[in-house]
Amino acid sequence: MILVYVDHDRGTLDELSLQALTAAKGLDSAVEAVMVGADAVALAPSLGEFGVSRVHVAVHPGLDDYAPMAAGRAVAQIARAEQPGAVLAVGSPRGNEVLAHVGAIVDEPFAADCTSIDLSGDEARVTRNRWAGSVLEEAIIHSTMPIASVAPHAFAPEPVAGAAPAAVVEFSPELSDADLAVRVVDRTGAGGGGVSLAEAKVVVSGGRGVGENGFGPLEELAELLGGTVGCSRVVTSAGWRPHAEQVGQTGTKVAPDVYFAIGISGATQHIAGCKNAKTMIAINSDPEATIMSFADYAIIGDASQIMPAVVDAVRAAKGK
């Protein structure tokens, strides 16, 4: 049996976690899942659609929002009880954080951002992204219970035809005050709304070349195309846009149908976050910018002049 940590945010399923379920099904083993928090109880049966036979849901008064060590403790409790052939999660920031705690608690090695996992032999073998995805490392996990996260977008979610709803088993994890020392206790600021960056089919990203006040046309284009706005790390570092919009190794990894890279040079850190885009369109005044070597289509010129023209053309094509 393979055990998969499936994340959610206050009752909204993390769609990326479904990729980890597909990876688990590919290991020719039964699949069970762990979810954390009472809000997960209603979501758990739906995981049967992706081949999960049983979902263990940790319910505890302290688990009313994200608490990484407590979540790790809950997953570790089930892992010790069930002794799965492997423990997986998607390699999102939260998935990696929770599995890192699991590894520390059960004293087993953890391999992050795997693009392939092979449990068919006497040793667990993985291929994983290193150095922002510029290197693929083949490694052996020396453990009877390998712990690994799967690289986002390395496995496409695949529903299982005719699958029954997953059985749900609630349990109360044994948590200490220390397990709950780090947790979300409040959320302030404007709510989310709109399509999320990780799931968007169209992402319109801006970099230093857009300028602090040049994101208006990018927002218009994203709205017209039903997408969302992203940005590079230098933009968030300058305080022009929130970190939630950052695409890259230390931001969000995306795999949209179309990715616009506007005024972005193409640093390795940024490419690591957008290299899985099906089509990349770059707009840059520098024809030698690194991003141009990754782009399917390139427009050389000043973004402040090109973007309004692009927005007008899209608006005209849509009759708006």
Protein backbone atom coordinates (compact mmCIF):
# COMPACT_ATOMS: atom_id res chain seq x y z
CA MET A 1 0.00 0.00 0.00
CA ILE A 2 1.14 3.56 -0.81
CA LEU A 3 0.13 6.35 1.58
CA VAL A 4 -0.41 9.84 0.12
CA TYR A 5 -0.76 13.11 2.02
CA VAL A 6 -3.53 15.10 0.32
CA ASP A 7 -3.68 18.80 1.16
CA HIS A 8 -6.66 21.15 1.30
CA ASP A 9 -7.19 24.74 2.36
CA ARG A 10 -10.14 25.18 4.70
CA GLY A 11 -12.21 22.64 2.78
CA THR A 12 -10.98 23.45 -0.73
CA LEU A 13 -9.08 20.53 -2.25
CA ASP A 14 -5.52 21.19 -3.41
CA GLU A 15 -5.75 20.08 -7.04
CA LEU A 16 -1.99 19.55 -7.19
CA SER A 17 -2.32 16.76 -4.63
CA LEU A 18 -4.24 14.73 -7.22
CA GLN A 19 -0.97 14.46 -9.16
CA ALA A 20 0.58 12.60 -6.22
CA LEU A 21 -2.35 10.16 -6.26
CA THR A 22 -1.70 9.42 -9.94
CA ALA A 23 1.99 8.85 -9.19
CA ALA A 24 1.02 6.46 -6.40
CA LYS A 25 -1.35 4.49 -8.65
CA GLY A 26 1.49 4.06 -11.12
CA LEU A 27 3.43 2.05 -8.52
CA ASP A 28 1.06 -0.94 -8.93
CA SER A 29 -0.12 -0.83 -5.35
CA ALA A 30 -3.23 -0.03 -3.37
CA VAL A 31 -3.46 3.67 -2.46
CA GLU A 32 -4.65 5.22 0.79
CA ALA A 33 -4.59 8.88 1.75
CA VAL A 34 -4.21 11.07 4.82
CA MET A 35 -5.98 14.41 5.16
CA VAL A 36 -5.84 16.78 8.10
CA GLY A 37 -8.65 18.78 9.70
CA ALA A 38 -12.41 18.34 10.08
CA ASP A 39 -12.99 20.30 6.85
CA ALA A 40 -11.48 17.36 4.98
CA VAL A 41 -14.19 14.89 6.01
CA ALA A 42 -16.56 16.04 3.27
CA LEU A 43 -13.79 16.01 0.65
CA ALA A 44 -12.34 12.60 1.44
CA PRO A 45 -14.86 10.33 -0.38
CA SER A 46 -14.17 12.12 -3.69
CA LEU A 47 -10.60 10.81 -3.66
CA GLY A 48 -12.00 7.43 -4.65
CA GLU A 49 -12.27 8.84 -8.17
CA PHE A 50 -8.46 8.81 -8.28
CA GLY A 51 -8.02 5.28 -7.01
CA VAL A 52 -7.93 5.86 -3.24
CA SER A 53 -9.56 3.04 -1.28
CA ARG A 54 -9.44 4.62 2.19
CA VAL A 55 -8.81 8.10 3.57
CA HIS A 56 -7.55 8.66 7.12
CA VAL A 57 -8.76 12.08 8.32
CA ALA A 58 -7.04 13.63 11.35
CA VAL A 59 -9.57 15.53 13.47
CA HIS A 60 -8.34 17.61 16.40
CA PRO A 61 -9.40 20.96 17.95
CA GLY A 62 -6.00 22.45 17.09
CA LEU A 63 -6.22 21.52 13.41
CA ASP A 64 -8.64 24.23 12.26
CA ASP A 65 -6.05 25.60 9.79
CA TYR A 66 -2.62 24.73 8.42
CA ALA A 67 -0.16 23.50 11.07
CA PRO A 68 2.86 21.85 9.39
CA MET A 69 4.38 19.91 12.29
CA ALA A 70 0.99 18.75 13.53
CA ALA A 71 0.10 17.59 10.01
CA GLY A 72 3.42 15.76 9.84
CA ARG A 73 2.71 14.13 13.20
CA ALA A 74 -0.70 12.94 11.95
CA VAL A 75 0.76 11.46 8.75
CA ALA A 76 3.57 9.81 10.73
CA GLN A 77 1.04 8.24 13.12
CA ILE A 78 -0.78 6.53 10.23
CA ALA A 79 2.50 5.60 8.52
CA ARG A 80 3.72 3.84 11.66
CA ALA A 81 0.42 2.03 12.10
CA GLU A 82 -0.04 0.95 8.47
CA GLN A 83 3.62 0.50 7.40
CA PRO A 84 3.04 1.54 3.75
CA GLY A 85 5.47 0.75 0.96
CA ALA A 86 6.05 4.51 0.55
CA VAL A 87 4.71 7.88 1.73
CA LEU A 88 4.10 10.46 -0.99
CA ALA A 89 2.81 14.01 -1.44
CA VAL A 90 2.96 16.59 -4.18
CA GLY A 91 6.09 18.77 -4.06
CA SER A 92 4.25 21.99 -3.25
CA PRO A 93 5.65 24.21 -0.48
CA ARG A 94 3.16 22.70 1.97
CA GLY A 95 3.59 19.14 0.70
CA ASN A 96 7.37 19.32 1.04
CA GLU A 97 7.13 20.92 4.46
CA VAL A 98 4.78 18.28 5.85
CA LEU A 99 6.82 15.37 4.46
CA ALA A 100 10.02 16.89 5.87
CA HIS A 101 8.40 16.72 9.31
CA VAL A 102 7.23 13.15 8.65
CA GLY A 103 10.78 12.12 7.74
CA ALA A 104 12.17 13.70 10.90
CA ILE A 105 9.52 12.09 13.11
CA VAL A 106 9.88 8.55 11.77
CA ASP A 107 13.64 8.95 11.19
CA GLU A 108 13.55 8.04 7.50
CA PRO A 109 15.10 9.87 4.49
CA PHE A 110 12.99 12.21 2.37
CA ALA A 111 13.52 12.82 -1.37
CA ALA A 112 11.84 15.95 -2.74
CA ASP A 113 10.61 16.90 -6.23
CA CYS A 114 10.78 13.48 -7.87
CA THR A 115 9.91 13.13 -11.55
CA SER A 116 9.88 9.33 -11.36
CA ILE A 117 9.70 6.72 -8.60
CA ASP A 118 10.51 3.02 -8.98
CA LEU A 119 9.71 0.57 -6.16
CA SER A 120 9.89 -2.56 -8.29
CA GLY A 121 13.34 -3.69 -7.12
CA ASP A 122 14.97 -4.31 -3.78
CA GLU A 123 15.75 -0.59 -3.46
CA ALA A 124 13.62 2.49 -4.09
CA ARG A 125 15.00 4.46 -7.02
CA VAL A 126 13.97 8.01 -7.85
CA THR A 127 14.79 10.70 -10.38
CA ARG A 128 14.44 14.18 -8.97
CA ASN A 129 14.96 17.81 -9.87
CA ARG A 130 18.06 19.50 -8.49
CA TRP A 131 19.46 23.01 -8.89
CA ALA A 132 16.14 24.58 -9.89
CA GLY A 133 15.46 21.76 -12.35
CA SER A 134 18.64 22.27 -14.35
CA VAL A 135 19.90 18.85 -13.25
CA LEU A 136 18.10 15.51 -12.96
CA GLU A 137 19.54 13.34 -10.20
CA GLU A 138 19.09 9.57 -10.07
CA ALA A 139 19.21 8.35 -6.49
CA ILE A 140 18.49 5.39 -4.25
CA ILE A 141 16.44 5.88 -1.07
CA HIS A 142 17.86 3.56 1.57
CA SER A 143 14.68 2.92 3.53
CA THR A 144 12.01 0.29 4.00
CA MET A 145 9.45 3.12 3.87
CA PRO A 146 10.60 5.69 1.29
CA ILE A 147 9.24 9.21 1.72
CA ALA A 148 9.10 11.32 -1.43
CA SER A 149 7.31 14.27 -2.98
CA VAL A 150 6.50 14.30 -6.68
CA ALA A 151 7.50 17.33 -8.73
CA PRO A 152 4.48 19.51 -9.56
CA HIS A 153 3.14 18.80 -13.06
CA ALA A 154 5.36 15.73 -13.53
CA PHE A 155 2.22 13.54 -13.32
CA ALA A 156 -1.15 14.53 -14.78
CA PRO A 157 -4.18 13.67 -12.60
CA GLU A 158 -5.90 10.58 -14.05
CA PRO A 159 -9.35 9.56 -12.74
CA VAL A 160 -10.05 5.84 -12.44
CA ALA A 161 -13.09 4.76 -14.44
CA GLY A 162 -15.89 3.27 -12.34
CA ALA A 163 -14.13 3.87 -9.03
CA ALA A 164 -16.24 3.86 -5.85
CA PRO A 165 -16.07 6.64 -3.24
CA ALA A 166 -13.22 6.22 -0.79
CA ALA A 167 -13.98 4.94 2.70
CA VAL A 168 -13.37 7.56 5.40
CA VAL A 169 -11.79 6.79 8.77
CA GLU A 170 -11.52 9.63 11.26
CA PHE A 171 -8.80 9.52 13.90
CA SER A 172 -7.50 11.83 16.62
CA PRO A 173 -3.75 12.40 16.28
CA GLU A 174 -1.62 12.53 19.40
CA LEU A 175 -0.38 16.13 19.39
CA SER A 176 1.67 18.12 21.87
CA ASP A 177 1.71 21.88 22.36
CA ALA A 178 5.01 21.94 20.47
CA ASP A 179 3.34 20.35 17.43
CA LEU A 180 0.93 23.30 17.30
CA ALA A 181 3.49 26.03 18.02
CA VAL A 182 3.59 26.96 14.33
CA ARG A 183 0.15 27.23 12.75
CA VAL A 184 -2.10 29.66 10.93
CA VAL A 185 -4.17 31.49 13.53
CA ASP A 186 -5.62 34.32 11.41
CA ARG A 187 -5.78 35.59 7.84
CA THR A 188 -5.89 39.25 6.95
CA GLY A 189 -6.10 41.18 3.72
CA ALA A 190 -8.23 40.73 0.64
CA GLY A 191 -9.55 37.28 -0.15
CA GLY A 192 -8.33 35.21 -3.08
CA GLY A 193 -10.90 35.09 -5.86
CA GLY A 194 -10.39 34.28 -9.47
CA VAL A 195 -8.27 31.48 -10.86
CA SER A 196 -5.24 30.43 -8.80
CA LEU A 197 -1.75 30.82 -10.19
CA ALA A 198 -0.91 27.10 -9.91
CA GLU A 199 -4.05 26.04 -11.82
CA ALA A 200 -4.37 28.85 -14.39
CA LYS A 201 -4.46 27.90 -18.07
CA VAL A 202 -3.08 31.32 -18.98
CA VAL A 203 -0.45 33.17 -16.92
CA VAL A 204 0.67 36.69 -17.79
CA SER A 205 3.93 37.36 -15.93
CA GLY A 206 5.91 40.56 -15.65
CA GLY A 207 9.49 41.23 -14.64
CA ARG A 208 11.75 44.19 -13.99
CA GLY A 209 11.27 45.38 -17.58
CA VAL A 210 7.57 46.04 -16.97
CA GLY A 211 8.28 48.61 -14.28
CA GLU A 212 6.50 49.23 -11.02
CA ASN A 213 3.53 50.93 -12.66
CA GLY A 214 3.34 48.86 -15.84
CA PHE A 215 1.21 45.92 -14.71
CA GLY A 216 -2.13 47.44 -15.80
CA PRO A 217 -2.04 45.99 -19.35
CA LEU A 218 -0.91 42.61 -17.96
CA GLU A 219 -3.94 42.53 -15.67
CA GLU A 220 -6.20 43.45 -18.59
CA LEU A 221 -4.77 40.72 -20.80
CA ALA A 222 -5.08 38.11 -18.04
CA GLU A 223 -8.71 39.06 -17.49
CA LEU A 224 -9.51 38.90 -21.21
CA LEU A 225 -7.96 35.44 -21.52
CA GLY A 226 -9.44 34.05 -18.31
CA GLY A 227 -6.01 33.77 -16.72
CA THR A 228 -4.08 35.33 -13.89
CA VAL A 229 -1.05 37.58 -13.32
CA GLY A 230 2.36 36.31 -12.25
CA CYS A 231 5.73 37.94 -11.77
CA SER A 232 9.44 37.31 -11.24
CA ARG A 233 11.28 37.31 -7.93
CA VAL A 234 12.86 40.72 -8.52
CA VAL A 235 9.36 42.20 -8.75
CA THR A 236 8.26 40.79 -5.38
CA SER A 237 11.61 41.72 -3.83
CA ALA A 238 11.01 45.31 -4.92
CA GLY A 239 7.55 45.23 -3.35
CA TRP A 240 5.74 45.87 -6.64
CA ARG A 241 3.59 42.72 -6.46
CA PRO A 242 2.75 40.23 -3.67
CA HIS A 243 4.79 37.06 -3.17
CA ALA A 244 1.67 34.99 -3.93
CA GLU A 245 2.12 35.98 -7.61
CA GLN A 246 5.78 34.96 -7.85
CA VAL A 247 6.59 32.26 -10.39
CA GLY A 248 9.81 30.37 -9.81
CA GLN A 249 11.83 28.03 -7.65
CA THR A 250 10.92 29.95 -4.48
CA GLY A 251 7.47 30.89 -5.75
CA THR A 252 4.83 28.88 -7.59
CA LYS A 253 5.58 26.33 -10.29
CA VAL A 254 3.07 26.63 -13.12
CA ALA A 255 2.17 24.59 -16.20
CA PRO A 256 -0.35 26.70 -18.15
CA ASP A 257 -1.39 26.27 -21.76
CA VAL A 258 0.05 29.72 -22.46
CA TYR A 259 2.69 31.60 -20.47
CA PHE A 260 3.50 35.24 -21.24
CA ALA A 261 6.95 36.31 -20.00
CA ILE A 262 7.00 40.09 -20.26
CA GLY A 263 10.12 42.05 -19.37
CA ILE A 264 11.61 38.93 -17.72
CA SER A 265 15.27 38.12 -18.33
CA GLY A 266 14.95 34.37 -17.74
CA ALA A 267 17.02 33.61 -14.66
CA THR A 268 17.33 29.93 -13.78
CA GLN A 269 15.16 30.44 -10.72
CA HIS A 270 12.30 31.76 -12.84
CA ILE A 271 12.63 29.16 -15.59
CA ALA A 272 12.31 26.44 -12.95
CA GLY A 273 8.80 27.70 -12.27
CA CYS A 274 7.50 28.06 -15.84
CA LYS A 275 9.38 25.51 -17.95
CA ASN A 276 6.36 23.18 -18.03
CA ALA A 277 4.22 25.72 -19.91
CA LYS A 278 2.86 24.26 -23.14
CA THR A 279 3.48 27.51 -25.04
CA MET A 280 5.68 30.41 -23.93
CA ILE A 281 5.46 33.89 -25.43
CA ALA A 282 8.27 36.29 -24.48
CA ILE A 283 8.24 40.06 -24.86
CA ASN A 284 11.60 41.68 -24.19
CA SER A 285 13.66 44.57 -25.47
CA ASP A 286 16.82 42.45 -25.30
CA PRO A 287 17.00 39.88 -28.14
CA GLU A 288 19.80 38.07 -26.26
CA ALA A 289 17.81 37.65 -23.02
CA THR A 290 17.93 34.08 -21.71
CA ILE A 291 14.14 33.83 -21.77
CA MET A 292 14.23 34.02 -25.59
CA SER A 293 15.89 30.58 -25.82
CA PHE A 294 12.94 29.04 -23.97
CA ALA A 295 10.19 30.93 -25.80
CA ASP A 296 8.07 29.41 -28.56
CA TYR A 297 7.30 32.93 -29.79
CA ALA A 298 9.33 36.08 -29.12
CA ILE A 299 8.50 39.75 -29.59
CA ILE A 300 11.45 42.12 -29.37
CA GLY A 301 10.57 45.58 -28.21
CA ASP A 302 9.45 47.86 -25.41
CA ALA A 303 6.74 46.15 -23.33
CA SER A 304 5.13 49.51 -22.50
CA GLN A 305 4.39 49.97 -26.21
CA ILE A 306 3.70 46.37 -27.17
CA MET A 307 1.34 45.36 -24.36
CA PRO A 308 -1.37 47.98 -25.00
CA ALA A 309 -1.39 46.89 -28.66
CA VAL A 310 -1.70 43.23 -27.65
CA VAL A 311 -4.57 44.02 -25.29
CA ASP A 312 -6.38 46.02 -28.00
CA ALA A 313 -5.96 43.19 -30.50
CA VAL A 314 -7.28 40.57 -28.08
CA ARG A 315 -10.18 42.81 -27.09
CA ALA A 316 -11.08 43.34 -30.76
CA ALA A 317 -10.85 39.60 -31.49
CA LYS A 318 -13.25 38.92 -28.63
CA GLY A 319 -15.59 41.73 -29.69
CA LYS A 320 -15.15 43.62 -26.43
